[in-house]
């Protein structure tokens, strides 16, 4: 299966804490990459293949901001240039590996897989919730044996919460309320309001709701694979739809998907709240609950991918009303990939 990617964009390569004194190997868009910290602790990303005999540099060691090949000891700096060859004083011409632009922001390491000259860090998507002192965020990483587009579909259609997340995020009536889909140049928005329905288990726990609630799911998809999802509940009829959320709770469920291959994805997520900030027990509880919920999605995606792998090329698929946002996102991404080529 051949996958085409949108390359001239920022993707999340790792959590910042994953890059320490040791190199980290990660494949992105079918390209093996080694991540490490260069001089002064700044993140660096290089082609994970030594210029000498193709040995993975990620199996080597990092010293003084450079990475040493474990096979013959060639040393490369954070720009990808070879700066030392054991047994000789002169570095051979052309002894270098590809460097990828990287930026550390919002507790994530961002990587640019396309033309380095186009890598403007002002275009990194806004995920300020992940390190904003006005919010407390919990988050993690999943390695998913499934195509990243399946996860885009999953996150743009939350009607599945009643079935996949019954014990955490779901209630029976979600799919009965319509979704309003709008599109911008680089975004798709899918908004659903659920009125006078029971609060899902997670919101009962954090908001103390005893009766029915008005609930919102505001999905903001930013191409190629980033999601900022505004979710919350408020007491029935207290004006949440008009902007008064004082009788409820708001959380942001944010996700970033980085394709590894045509059938695997690096899935980064964080879940943020702006209430009860100084309650570490609540933070721990939310970390476990959200990780469990998003892990349920991983099971779904991997099961889908398995059946896709086994399906005949002419097997048809159907679309339903809940796919409105999904179809808009597919068209947007396909058009951008085609124009980039």
C-alpha atoms as a PDB file:
ATOM      1  CA  UNK A   1       0.000   0.000   0.000  1.00  0.00           C
ATOM      2  CA  UNK A   2       1.484   3.335  -1.089  1.00  0.00           C
ATOM      3  CA  UNK A   3       0.593   6.435   0.928  1.00  0.00           C
ATOM      4  CA  UNK A   4       1.062  10.028  -0.181  1.00  0.00           C
ATOM      5  CA  UNK A   5       1.633  12.571   2.565  1.00  0.00           C
ATOM      6  CA  UNK A   6       1.368  16.322   2.918  1.00  0.00           C
ATOM      7  CA  UNK A   7       5.020  17.087   3.644  1.00  0.00           C
ATOM      8  CA  UNK A   8       5.321  20.851   3.921  1.00  0.00           C
ATOM      9  CA  UNK A   9       3.620  20.985   7.298  1.00  0.00           C
ATOM     10  CA  UNK A  10       4.593  20.611  10.966  1.00  0.00           C
ATOM     11  CA  UNK A  11       3.983  17.256  12.670  1.00  0.00           C
ATOM     12  CA  UNK A  12       4.599  16.112  16.225  1.00  0.00           C
ATOM     13  CA  UNK A  13       7.660  13.864  16.365  1.00  0.00           C
ATOM     14  CA  UNK A  14       7.830  13.225  20.118  1.00  0.00           C
ATOM     15  CA  UNK A  15       6.976  14.468  23.576  1.00  0.00           C
ATOM     16  CA  UNK A  16       9.746  16.750  24.786  1.00  0.00           C
ATOM     17  CA  UNK A  17      10.481  14.440  27.711  1.00  0.00           C
ATOM     18  CA  UNK A  18      11.163  11.555  25.313  1.00  0.00           C
ATOM     19  CA  UNK A  19      14.332  13.304  24.118  1.00  0.00           C
ATOM     20  CA  UNK A  20      16.908  13.040  26.884  1.00  0.00           C
ATOM     21  CA  UNK A  21      20.552  11.965  26.977  1.00  0.00           C
ATOM     22  CA  UNK A  22      19.915   9.047  24.618  1.00  0.00           C
ATOM     23  CA  UNK A  23      18.932   9.145  20.933  1.00  0.00           C
ATOM     24  CA  UNK A  24      15.337   8.298  19.991  1.00  0.00           C
ATOM     25  CA  UNK A  25      14.529   6.373  16.805  1.00  0.00           C
ATOM     26  CA  UNK A  26      11.229   7.191  15.126  1.00  0.00           C
ATOM     27  CA  UNK A  27       9.993   6.520  11.591  1.00  0.00           C
ATOM     28  CA  UNK A  28       7.862   9.313  10.098  1.00  0.00           C
ATOM     29  CA  UNK A  29       6.309   9.130   6.624  1.00  0.00           C
ATOM     30  CA  UNK A  30       8.362   5.997   5.916  1.00  0.00           C
ATOM     31  CA  UNK A  31      11.623   7.812   6.739  1.00  0.00           C
ATOM     32  CA  UNK A  32      13.807   6.595   9.648  1.00  0.00           C
ATOM     33  CA  UNK A  33      14.754   9.561  11.842  1.00  0.00           C
ATOM     34  CA  UNK A  34      16.924   9.937  14.929  1.00  0.00           C
ATOM     35  CA  UNK A  35      16.015  12.591  17.490  1.00  0.00           C
ATOM     36  CA  UNK A  36      18.454  13.868  20.120  1.00  0.00           C
ATOM     37  CA  UNK A  37      19.459  17.016  21.945  1.00  0.00           C
ATOM     38  CA  UNK A  38      22.281  19.007  20.421  1.00  0.00           C
ATOM     39  CA  UNK A  39      24.360  21.820  21.832  1.00  0.00           C
ATOM     40  CA  UNK A  40      22.610  23.618  24.688  1.00  0.00           C
ATOM     41  CA  UNK A  41      19.868  20.998  24.822  1.00  0.00           C
ATOM     42  CA  UNK A  42      18.142  22.125  21.607  1.00  0.00           C
ATOM     43  CA  UNK A  43      16.336  19.274  19.845  1.00  0.00           C
ATOM     44  CA  UNK A  44      17.795  17.914  16.614  1.00  0.00           C
ATOM     45  CA  UNK A  45      16.526  15.449  14.013  1.00  0.00           C
ATOM     46  CA  UNK A  46      18.674  13.659  11.439  1.00  0.00           C
ATOM     47  CA  UNK A  47      18.319  10.921   8.889  1.00  0.00           C
ATOM     48  CA  UNK A  48      18.823   7.724  10.896  1.00  0.00           C
ATOM     49  CA  UNK A  49      21.426   6.241   8.594  1.00  0.00           C
ATOM     50  CA  UNK A  50      25.163   6.883   8.764  1.00  0.00           C
ATOM     51  CA  UNK A  51      26.731   8.392   5.641  1.00  0.00           C
ATOM     52  CA  UNK A  52      29.473   5.740   5.781  1.00  0.00           C
ATOM     53  CA  UNK A  53      27.733   2.346   5.802  1.00  0.00           C
ATOM     54  CA  UNK A  54      24.064   3.096   6.557  1.00  0.00           C
ATOM     55  CA  UNK A  55      24.222   2.073  10.212  1.00  0.00           C
ATOM     56  CA  UNK A  56      21.318   3.472  12.295  1.00  0.00           C
ATOM     57  CA  UNK A  57      22.718   6.412  14.238  1.00  0.00           C
ATOM     58  CA  UNK A  58      19.967   5.900  16.822  1.00  0.00           C
ATOM     59  CA  UNK A  59      21.886   2.852  18.035  1.00  0.00           C
ATOM     60  CA  UNK A  60      24.835   5.083  18.874  1.00  0.00           C
ATOM     61  CA  UNK A  61      25.380   7.589  21.674  1.00  0.00           C
ATOM     62  CA  UNK A  62      25.099  11.338  22.167  1.00  0.00           C
ATOM     63  CA  UNK A  63      28.046  13.306  23.538  1.00  0.00           C
ATOM     64  CA  UNK A  64      28.654  17.062  23.582  1.00  0.00           C
ATOM     65  CA  UNK A  65      25.618  17.717  21.425  1.00  0.00           C
ATOM     66  CA  UNK A  66      26.728  15.316  18.667  1.00  0.00           C
ATOM     67  CA  UNK A  67      25.765  11.748  17.817  1.00  0.00           C
ATOM     68  CA  UNK A  68      28.316   8.974  17.289  1.00  0.00           C
ATOM     69  CA  UNK A  69      27.766   6.076  14.893  1.00  0.00           C
ATOM     70  CA  UNK A  70      28.000   2.758  16.797  1.00  0.00           C
ATOM     71  CA  UNK A  71      29.674   0.963  13.881  1.00  0.00           C
ATOM     72  CA  UNK A  72      32.853   2.939  13.053  1.00  0.00           C
ATOM     73  CA  UNK A  73      32.585   5.952  15.357  1.00  0.00           C
ATOM     74  CA  UNK A  74      31.892   8.730  12.869  1.00  0.00           C
ATOM     75  CA  UNK A  75      30.487  11.763  14.680  1.00  0.00           C
ATOM     76  CA  UNK A  76      27.716  14.024  13.322  1.00  0.00           C
ATOM     77  CA  UNK A  77      26.604  17.354  14.717  1.00  0.00           C
ATOM     78  CA  UNK A  78      23.046  18.674  14.930  1.00  0.00           C
ATOM     79  CA  UNK A  79      23.210  20.036  11.367  1.00  0.00           C
ATOM     80  CA  UNK A  80      23.928  16.556   9.989  1.00  0.00           C
ATOM     81  CA  UNK A  81      27.560  17.333   9.121  1.00  0.00           C
ATOM     82  CA  UNK A  82      30.214  14.744   9.937  1.00  0.00           C
ATOM     83  CA  UNK A  83      32.727  16.454  12.229  1.00  0.00           C
ATOM     84  CA  UNK A  84      35.018  13.564  13.113  1.00  0.00           C
ATOM     85  CA  UNK A  85      36.241  10.292  11.566  1.00  0.00           C
ATOM     86  CA  UNK A  86      38.369   7.987  13.736  1.00  0.00           C
ATOM     87  CA  UNK A  87      41.815   7.278  12.339  1.00  0.00           C
ATOM     88  CA  UNK A  88      42.020  10.324  10.078  1.00  0.00           C
ATOM     89  CA  UNK A  89      42.181  14.088  10.388  1.00  0.00           C
ATOM     90  CA  UNK A  90      40.198  14.979   7.264  1.00  0.00           C
ATOM     91  CA  UNK A  91      36.467  14.430   6.919  1.00  0.00           C
ATOM     92  CA  UNK A  92      35.587  13.063   3.449  1.00  0.00           C
ATOM     93  CA  UNK A  93      33.714  15.463   1.139  1.00  0.00           C
ATOM     94  CA  UNK A  94      29.963  14.976   1.275  1.00  0.00           C
ATOM     95  CA  UNK A  95      30.072  13.198   4.637  1.00  0.00           C
ATOM     96  CA  UNK A  96      26.711  14.359   5.966  1.00  0.00           C
ATOM     97  CA  UNK A  97      23.182  13.150   6.609  1.00  0.00           C
ATOM     98  CA  UNK A  98      19.873  14.915   6.075  1.00  0.00           C
ATOM     99  CA  UNK A  99      18.748  17.349   8.755  1.00  0.00           C
ATOM    100  CA  UNK A 100      15.069  17.954   9.499  1.00  0.00           C
ATOM    101  CA  UNK A 101      13.895  21.269  10.993  1.00  0.00           C
ATOM    102  CA  UNK A 102      12.581  20.786  14.539  1.00  0.00           C
ATOM    103  CA  UNK A 103      11.038  23.074  17.160  1.00  0.00           C
ATOM    104  CA  UNK A 104      10.218  22.424  20.811  1.00  0.00           C
ATOM    105  CA  UNK A 105       6.833  23.944  21.701  1.00  0.00           C
ATOM    106  CA  UNK A 106       3.821  23.057  23.871  1.00  0.00           C
ATOM    107  CA  UNK A 107       5.795  20.177  25.470  1.00  0.00           C
ATOM    108  CA  UNK A 108       6.063  18.548  22.044  1.00  0.00           C
ATOM    109  CA  UNK A 109       8.888  18.249  19.513  1.00  0.00           C
ATOM    110  CA  UNK A 110       7.660  19.395  16.096  1.00  0.00           C
ATOM    111  CA  UNK A 111       9.263  18.237  12.835  1.00  0.00           C
ATOM    112  CA  UNK A 112       9.083  19.498   9.240  1.00  0.00           C
ATOM    113  CA  UNK A 113       9.254  16.692   6.679  1.00  0.00           C
ATOM    114  CA  UNK A 114       9.232  18.809   3.511  1.00  0.00           C
ATOM    115  CA  UNK A 115      11.384  21.566   2.022  1.00  0.00           C
ATOM    116  CA  UNK A 116      13.454  23.051   4.895  1.00  0.00           C
ATOM    117  CA  UNK A 117      13.340  26.488   3.279  1.00  0.00           C
ATOM    118  CA  UNK A 118       9.564  26.571   3.852  1.00  0.00           C
ATOM    119  CA  UNK A 119       9.705  25.640   7.549  1.00  0.00           C
ATOM    120  CA  UNK A 120       8.170  28.678   9.274  1.00  0.00           C
ATOM    121  CA  UNK A 121       7.619  27.966  12.985  1.00  0.00           C
ATOM    122  CA  UNK A 122       4.882  30.627  13.060  1.00  0.00           C
ATOM    123  CA  UNK A 123       2.670  28.047  11.319  1.00  0.00           C
ATOM    124  CA  UNK A 124       2.920  25.486  14.135  1.00  0.00           C
ATOM    125  CA  UNK A 125      -0.674  24.784  15.273  1.00  0.00           C
ATOM    126  CA  UNK A 126      -1.758  26.360  18.554  1.00  0.00           C
ATOM    127  CA  UNK A 127      -1.799  23.758  21.324  1.00  0.00           C
ATOM    128  CA  UNK A 128      -1.189  26.202  24.172  1.00  0.00           C
ATOM    129  CA  UNK A 129      -3.428  24.208  26.526  1.00  0.00           C
ATOM    130  CA  UNK A 130      -0.589  21.703  26.931  1.00  0.00           C
ATOM    131  CA  UNK A 131       1.646  24.160  28.838  1.00  0.00           C
ATOM    132  CA  UNK A 132      -0.622  27.111  29.690  1.00  0.00           C
ATOM    133  CA  UNK A 133      -0.601  27.799  33.472  1.00  0.00           C
ATOM    134  CA  UNK A 134      -4.342  28.533  33.289  1.00  0.00           C
ATOM    135  CA  UNK A 135      -4.926  24.896  32.316  1.00  0.00           C
ATOM    136  CA  UNK A 136      -3.850  21.514  33.650  1.00  0.00           C
ATOM    137  CA  UNK A 137      -3.152  19.010  30.888  1.00  0.00           C
ATOM    138  CA  UNK A 138      -2.593  15.273  30.993  1.00  0.00           C
ATOM    139  CA  UNK A 139      -1.361  13.470  27.920  1.00  0.00           C
ATOM    140  CA  UNK A 140       0.432  10.524  26.396  1.00  0.00           C
ATOM    141  CA  UNK A 141       1.358   8.704  23.192  1.00  0.00           C
ATOM    142  CA  UNK A 142      -0.099   5.690  21.422  1.00  0.00           C
ATOM    143  CA  UNK A 143       1.586   3.665  18.716  1.00  0.00           C
ATOM    144  CA  UNK A 144      -1.307   2.683  16.460  1.00  0.00           C
ATOM    145  CA  UNK A 145      -1.211  -0.110  13.889  1.00  0.00           C
ATOM    146  CA  UNK A 146      -3.517   1.769  11.571  1.00  0.00           C
ATOM    147  CA  UNK A 147      -3.482   4.514   8.945  1.00  0.00           C
ATOM    148  CA  UNK A 148      -3.623   8.061  10.288  1.00  0.00           C
ATOM    149  CA  UNK A 149      -6.649   8.836   8.099  1.00  0.00           C
ATOM    150  CA  UNK A 150      -8.699   6.302  10.051  1.00  0.00           C
ATOM    151  CA  UNK A 151      -7.955   8.321  13.190  1.00  0.00           C
ATOM    152  CA  UNK A 152      -8.959  11.532  11.417  1.00  0.00           C
ATOM    153  CA  UNK A 153     -12.303   9.889  10.600  1.00  0.00           C
ATOM    154  CA  UNK A 154     -12.658   8.755  14.209  1.00  0.00           C
ATOM    155  CA  UNK A 155     -12.007  12.164  15.738  1.00  0.00           C
ATOM    156  CA  UNK A 156     -14.274  14.040  13.328  1.00  0.00           C
ATOM    157  CA  UNK A 157     -17.308  11.868  14.058  1.00  0.00           C
ATOM    158  CA  UNK A 158     -18.020  11.592  17.783  1.00  0.00           C
ATOM    159  CA  UNK A 159     -21.304   9.756  17.298  1.00  0.00           C
ATOM    160  CA  UNK A 160     -19.265   6.648  18.092  1.00  0.00           C
ATOM    161  CA  UNK A 161     -18.888   7.627  21.772  1.00  0.00           C
ATOM    162  CA  UNK A 162     -22.200   5.963  22.661  1.00  0.00           C
ATOM    163  CA  UNK A 163     -20.835   2.623  21.496  1.00  0.00           C
ATOM    164  CA  UNK A 164     -17.060   2.706  21.906  1.00  0.00           C
ATOM    165  CA  UNK A 165     -16.858   4.781  25.115  1.00  0.00           C
ATOM    166  CA  UNK A 166     -19.999   3.774  27.017  1.00  0.00           C
ATOM    167  CA  UNK A 167     -18.201   3.717  30.379  1.00  0.00           C
ATOM    168  CA  UNK A 168     -16.413   7.079  29.995  1.00  0.00           C
ATOM    169  CA  UNK A 169     -17.591   9.548  27.335  1.00  0.00           C
ATOM    170  CA  UNK A 170     -20.752   8.035  25.921  1.00  0.00           C
ATOM    171  CA  UNK A 171     -24.501   8.400  26.397  1.00  0.00           C
ATOM    172  CA  UNK A 172     -27.220   6.847  24.279  1.00  0.00           C
ATOM    173  CA  UNK A 173     -28.631  10.010  22.713  1.00  0.00           C
ATOM    174  CA  UNK A 174     -25.527  11.521  21.100  1.00  0.00           C
ATOM    175  CA  UNK A 175     -26.147  10.349  17.533  1.00  0.00           C
ATOM    176  CA  UNK A 176     -29.729  11.675  17.605  1.00  0.00           C
ATOM    177  CA  UNK A 177     -28.551  15.300  17.606  1.00  0.00           C
ATOM    178  CA  UNK A 178     -27.406  16.814  14.290  1.00  0.00           C
ATOM    179  CA  UNK A 179     -23.904  18.055  13.525  1.00  0.00           C
ATOM    180  CA  UNK A 180     -23.270  21.434  11.899  1.00  0.00           C
ATOM    181  CA  UNK A 181     -20.231  21.285   9.622  1.00  0.00           C
ATOM    182  CA  UNK A 182     -18.388  24.356   8.313  1.00  0.00           C
ATOM    183  CA  UNK A 183     -15.120  24.675   6.427  1.00  0.00           C
ATOM    184  CA  UNK A 184     -12.321  27.216   6.166  1.00  0.00           C
ATOM    185  CA  UNK A 185      -9.236  27.197   3.950  1.00  0.00           C
ATOM    186  CA  UNK A 186      -7.276  24.886   6.244  1.00  0.00           C
ATOM    187  CA  UNK A 187      -9.870  23.770   8.826  1.00  0.00           C
ATOM    188  CA  UNK A 188     -13.082  21.813   9.205  1.00  0.00           C
ATOM    189  CA  UNK A 189     -15.421  22.471  12.143  1.00  0.00           C
ATOM    190  CA  UNK A 190     -18.038  19.965  13.308  1.00  0.00           C
ATOM    191  CA  UNK A 191     -20.289  21.203  16.132  1.00  0.00           C
ATOM    192  CA  UNK A 192     -22.926  19.180  17.953  1.00  0.00           C
ATOM    193  CA  UNK A 193     -25.153  20.324  20.820  1.00  0.00           C
ATOM    194  CA  UNK A 194     -26.893  17.678  22.910  1.00  0.00           C
ATOM    195  CA  UNK A 195     -29.749  19.058  24.994  1.00  0.00           C
ATOM    196  CA  UNK A 196     -31.442  17.732  28.118  1.00  0.00           C
ATOM    197  CA  UNK A 197     -29.629  14.407  28.199  1.00  0.00           C
ATOM    198  CA  UNK A 198     -27.760  12.540  30.978  1.00  0.00           C
ATOM    199  CA  UNK A 199     -24.157  13.568  31.554  1.00  0.00           C
ATOM    200  CA  UNK A 200     -21.565  10.977  30.480  1.00  0.00           C
ATOM    201  CA  UNK A 201     -19.698   9.200  33.315  1.00  0.00           C
ATOM    202  CA  UNK A 202     -16.528  11.299  32.998  1.00  0.00           C
ATOM    203  CA  UNK A 203     -18.439  14.576  33.265  1.00  0.00           C
ATOM    204  CA  UNK A 204     -20.517  13.325  36.162  1.00  0.00           C
ATOM    205  CA  UNK A 205     -17.286  12.667  37.986  1.00  0.00           C
ATOM    206  CA  UNK A 206     -15.574  16.016  37.313  1.00  0.00           C
ATOM    207  CA  UNK A 207     -18.639  18.274  37.307  1.00  0.00           C
ATOM    208  CA  UNK A 208     -20.760  16.665  39.989  1.00  0.00           C
ATOM    209  CA  UNK A 209     -23.847  16.639  37.757  1.00  0.00           C
ATOM    210  CA  UNK A 210     -26.799  14.763  39.226  1.00  0.00           C
ATOM    211  CA  UNK A 211     -29.463  15.575  36.644  1.00  0.00           C
ATOM    212  CA  UNK A 212     -29.568  16.022  32.902  1.00  0.00           C
ATOM    213  CA  UNK A 213     -27.270  18.453  31.105  1.00  0.00           C
ATOM    214  CA  UNK A 214     -26.772  20.444  27.937  1.00  0.00           C
ATOM    215  CA  UNK A 215     -23.628  19.143  26.307  1.00  0.00           C
ATOM    216  CA  UNK A 216     -21.368  20.341  23.486  1.00  0.00           C
ATOM    217  CA  UNK A 217     -18.839  18.731  21.183  1.00  0.00           C
ATOM    218  CA  UNK A 218     -16.966  21.297  19.079  1.00  0.00           C
ATOM    219  CA  UNK A 219     -14.429  19.596  16.852  1.00  0.00           C
ATOM    220  CA  UNK A 220     -11.860  21.777  15.108  1.00  0.00           C
ATOM    221  CA  UNK A 221      -9.767  19.880  12.568  1.00  0.00           C
ATOM    222  CA  UNK A 222      -6.693  21.627  11.186  1.00  0.00           C
ATOM    223  CA  UNK A 223      -5.007  19.992   8.251  1.00  0.00           C
ATOM    224  CA  UNK A 224      -3.155  17.784   7.902  1.00  0.00           C
ATOM    225  CA  UNK A 225      -3.865  15.908  11.149  1.00  0.00           C
ATOM    226  CA  UNK A 226      -4.434  18.131  14.198  1.00  0.00           C
ATOM    227  CA  UNK A 227      -7.525  18.358  16.410  1.00  0.00           C
ATOM    228  CA  UNK A 228      -8.626  20.818  19.073  1.00  0.00           C
ATOM    229  CA  UNK A 229     -11.885  19.489  20.551  1.00  0.00           C
ATOM    230  CA  UNK A 230     -13.867  21.720  22.902  1.00  0.00           C
ATOM    231  CA  UNK A 231     -16.126  19.502  25.036  1.00  0.00           C
ATOM    232  CA  UNK A 232     -18.230  20.184  28.098  1.00  0.00           C
ATOM    233  CA  UNK A 233     -21.511  20.010  29.977  1.00  0.00           C
ATOM    234  CA  UNK A 234     -23.673  22.546  31.800  1.00  0.00           C
ATOM    235  CA  UNK A 235     -26.893  22.383  33.770  1.00  0.00           C
ATOM    236  CA  UNK A 236     -29.914  22.285  31.477  1.00  0.00           C
ATOM    237  CA  UNK A 237     -31.104  25.642  30.181  1.00  0.00           C
ATOM    238  CA  UNK A 238     -28.402  27.785  31.819  1.00  0.00           C
ATOM    239  CA  UNK A 239     -27.232  29.472  28.621  1.00  0.00           C
ATOM    240  CA  UNK A 240     -24.197  27.429  27.595  1.00  0.00           C
ATOM    241  CA  UNK A 241     -25.122  27.652  23.921  1.00  0.00           C
ATOM    242  CA  UNK A 242     -25.243  31.448  24.234  1.00  0.00           C
ATOM    243  CA  UNK A 243     -21.772  31.559  25.800  1.00  0.00           C
ATOM    244  CA  UNK A 244     -22.490  31.263  29.534  1.00  0.00           C
ATOM    245  CA  UNK A 245     -20.575  28.199  30.700  1.00  0.00           C
ATOM    246  CA  UNK A 246     -20.487  29.231  34.355  1.00  0.00           C
ATOM    247  CA  UNK A 247     -22.944  26.471  35.281  1.00  0.00           C
ATOM    248  CA  UNK A 248     -20.803  23.728  33.820  1.00  0.00           C
ATOM    249  CA  UNK A 249     -17.310  22.510  33.010  1.00  0.00           C
ATOM    250  CA  UNK A 250     -15.169  22.836  29.886  1.00  0.00           C
ATOM    251  CA  UNK A 251     -12.333  20.595  28.771  1.00  0.00           C
ATOM    252  CA  UNK A 252     -10.197  20.488  25.643  1.00  0.00           C
ATOM    253  CA  UNK A 253      -9.444  17.086  24.161  1.00  0.00           C
ATOM    254  CA  UNK A 254      -6.576  17.711  21.740  1.00  0.00           C
ATOM    255  CA  UNK A 255      -4.935  15.272  19.358  1.00  0.00           C
ATOM    256  CA  UNK A 256      -2.138  15.242  16.794  1.00  0.00           C
ATOM    257  CA  UNK A 257      -1.561  12.372  14.377  1.00  0.00           C
ATOM    258  CA  UNK A 258       1.785  11.716  12.688  1.00  0.00           C
ATOM    259  CA  UNK A 259       1.901   9.026  10.002  1.00  0.00           C
ATOM    260  CA  UNK A 260       4.649   6.458  10.440  1.00  0.00           C
ATOM    261  CA  UNK A 261       3.755   4.305   7.411  1.00  0.00           C
ATOM    262  CA  UNK A 262       0.650   3.579   5.364  1.00  0.00           C
ATOM    263  CA  UNK A 263      -0.529   1.266   8.131  1.00  0.00           C
ATOM    264  CA  UNK A 264       0.831   2.824  11.340  1.00  0.00           C
ATOM    265  CA  UNK A 265       0.559   6.127  13.192  1.00  0.00           C
ATOM    266  CA  UNK A 266       2.156   8.036  16.057  1.00  0.00           C
ATOM    267  CA  UNK A 267      -0.800   9.325  18.076  1.00  0.00           C
ATOM    268  CA  UNK A 268      -0.105  12.201  20.497  1.00  0.00           C
ATOM    269  CA  UNK A 269      -2.847  13.576  22.733  1.00  0.00           C
ATOM    270  CA  UNK A 270      -3.475  15.755  25.741  1.00  0.00           C
ATOM    271  CA  UNK A 271      -6.617  16.514  27.712  1.00  0.00           C
ATOM    272  CA  UNK A 272      -6.831  19.875  29.497  1.00  0.00           C
ATOM    273  CA  UNK A 273      -9.117  21.447  32.088  1.00  0.00           C
ATOM    274  CA  UNK A 274      -9.362  24.995  33.508  1.00  0.00           C
ATOM    275  CA  UNK A 275     -11.094  24.148  36.797  1.00  0.00           C
ATOM    276  CA  UNK A 276     -10.041  22.467  40.064  1.00  0.00           C
ATOM    277  CA  UNK A 277      -6.449  23.088  39.024  1.00  0.00           C
ATOM    278  CA  UNK A 278      -4.803  22.293  42.352  1.00  0.00           C
ATOM    279  CA  UNK A 279      -6.201  18.786  42.755  1.00  0.00           C
ATOM    280  CA  UNK A 280      -3.518  16.240  41.839  1.00  0.00           C
ATOM    281  CA  UNK A 281      -5.844  13.326  42.587  1.00  0.00           C
ATOM    282  CA  UNK A 282      -8.313  14.625  40.007  1.00  0.00           C
ATOM    283  CA  UNK A 283      -5.460  15.043  37.529  1.00  0.00           C
ATOM    284  CA  UNK A 284      -4.409  11.443  38.049  1.00  0.00           C
ATOM    285  CA  UNK A 285      -7.981  10.207  37.719  1.00  0.00           C
ATOM    286  CA  UNK A 286      -8.492  12.136  34.494  1.00  0.00           C
ATOM    287  CA  UNK A 287      -5.198  10.857  33.102  1.00  0.00           C
ATOM    288  CA  UNK A 288      -6.310   7.264  33.632  1.00  0.00           C
ATOM    289  CA  UNK A 289      -9.866   7.827  32.376  1.00  0.00           C
ATOM    290  CA  UNK A 290      -8.882   9.661  29.194  1.00  0.00           C
ATOM    291  CA  UNK A 291      -6.068   7.238  28.422  1.00  0.00           C
ATOM    292  CA  UNK A 292      -8.558   4.392  28.782  1.00  0.00           C
ATOM    293  CA  UNK A 293     -11.066   6.128  26.511  1.00  0.00           C
ATOM    294  CA  UNK A 294      -8.581   6.973  23.764  1.00  0.00           C
ATOM    295  CA  UNK A 295      -7.110   3.482  24.062  1.00  0.00           C
ATOM    296  CA  UNK A 296     -10.566   2.179  23.153  1.00  0.00           C
ATOM    297  CA  UNK A 297     -10.290   4.126  19.897  1.00  0.00           C
ATOM    298  CA  UNK A 298      -6.924   2.518  19.188  1.00  0.00           C
ATOM    299  CA  UNK A 299      -8.541  -0.918  19.419  1.00  0.00           C
ATOM    300  CA  UNK A 300     -11.187   0.181  16.905  1.00  0.00           C
ATOM    301  CA  UNK A 301      -8.661   1.648  14.453  1.00  0.00           C
ATOM    302  CA  UNK A 302      -6.417  -1.412  14.534  1.00  0.00           C
ATOM    303  CA  UNK A 303      -9.405  -3.703  13.945  1.00  0.00           C
ATOM    304  CA  UNK A 304     -10.449  -1.546  10.975  1.00  0.00           C
ATOM    305  CA  UNK A 305      -6.942  -1.631   9.514  1.00  0.00           C
ATOM    306  CA  UNK A 306      -6.842  -5.407   9.803  1.00  0.00           C
ATOM    307  CA  UNK A 307     -10.036  -5.740   7.772  1.00  0.00           C
ATOM    308  CA  UNK A 308      -8.867  -3.158   5.232  1.00  0.00           C
ATOM    309  CA  UNK A 309      -5.666  -5.148   4.754  1.00  0.00           C
ATOM    310  CA  UNK A 310      -7.737  -8.254   4.025  1.00  0.00           C
ATOM    311  CA  UNK A 311     -10.403  -6.601   1.852  1.00  0.00           C
ATOM    312  CA  UNK A 312     -10.553  -6.864  -1.912  1.00  0.00           C
ATOM    313  CA  UNK A 313      -9.680  -3.712  -3.820  1.00  0.00           C
ATOM    314  CA  UNK A 314     -13.226  -3.340  -5.183  1.00  0.00           C
ATOM    315  CA  UNK A 315     -15.051  -3.661  -1.854  1.00  0.00           C
ATOM    316  CA  UNK A 316     -17.422  -0.658  -1.663  1.00  0.00           C
ATOM    317  CA  UNK A 317     -17.957   1.550   1.364  1.00  0.00           C
ATOM    318  CA  UNK A 318     -20.956   3.667   2.262  1.00  0.00           C
ATOM    319  CA  UNK A 319     -21.286   7.043   3.964  1.00  0.00           C
ATOM    320  CA  UNK A 320     -23.921   8.202   6.449  1.00  0.00           C
ATOM    321  CA  UNK A 321     -25.083  11.621   7.654  1.00  0.00           C
ATOM    322  CA  UNK A 322     -22.576  11.613  10.532  1.00  0.00           C
ATOM    323  CA  UNK A 323     -19.753  11.516   7.953  1.00  0.00           C
ATOM    324  CA  UNK A 324     -20.296  15.116   6.801  1.00  0.00           C
ATOM    325  CA  UNK A 325     -17.210  16.442   8.585  1.00  0.00           C
ATOM    326  CA  UNK A 326     -15.178  13.380   7.663  1.00  0.00           C
ATOM    327  CA  UNK A 327     -15.867  13.851   3.961  1.00  0.00           C
ATOM    328  CA  UNK A 328     -14.964  17.547   4.096  1.00  0.00           C
ATOM    329  CA  UNK A 329     -11.645  16.735   5.775  1.00  0.00           C
ATOM    330  CA  UNK A 330     -10.855  14.042   3.218  1.00  0.00           C
ATOM    331  CA  UNK A 331     -11.484  16.429   0.325  1.00  0.00           C
ATOM    332  CA  UNK A 332      -9.382  19.143   1.954  1.00  0.00           C
ATOM    333  CA  UNK A 333      -6.428  16.849   2.627  1.00  0.00           C
ATOM    334  CA  UNK A 334      -6.566  15.155  -0.793  1.00  0.00           C
ATOM    335  CA  UNK A 335      -6.618  18.522  -2.557  1.00  0.00           C
ATOM    336  CA  UNK A 336      -3.637  19.806  -0.561  1.00  0.00           C
ATOM    337  CA  UNK A 337      -1.584  16.674  -1.229  1.00  0.00           C
ATOM    338  CA  UNK A 338      -2.395  16.858  -4.949  1.00  0.00           C
ATOM    339  CA  UNK A 339      -1.435  20.536  -5.129  1.00  0.00           C
ATOM    340  CA  UNK A 340       1.847  19.932  -3.294  1.00  0.00           C
ATOM    341  CA  UNK A 341       2.869  17.247  -5.757  1.00  0.00           C
END
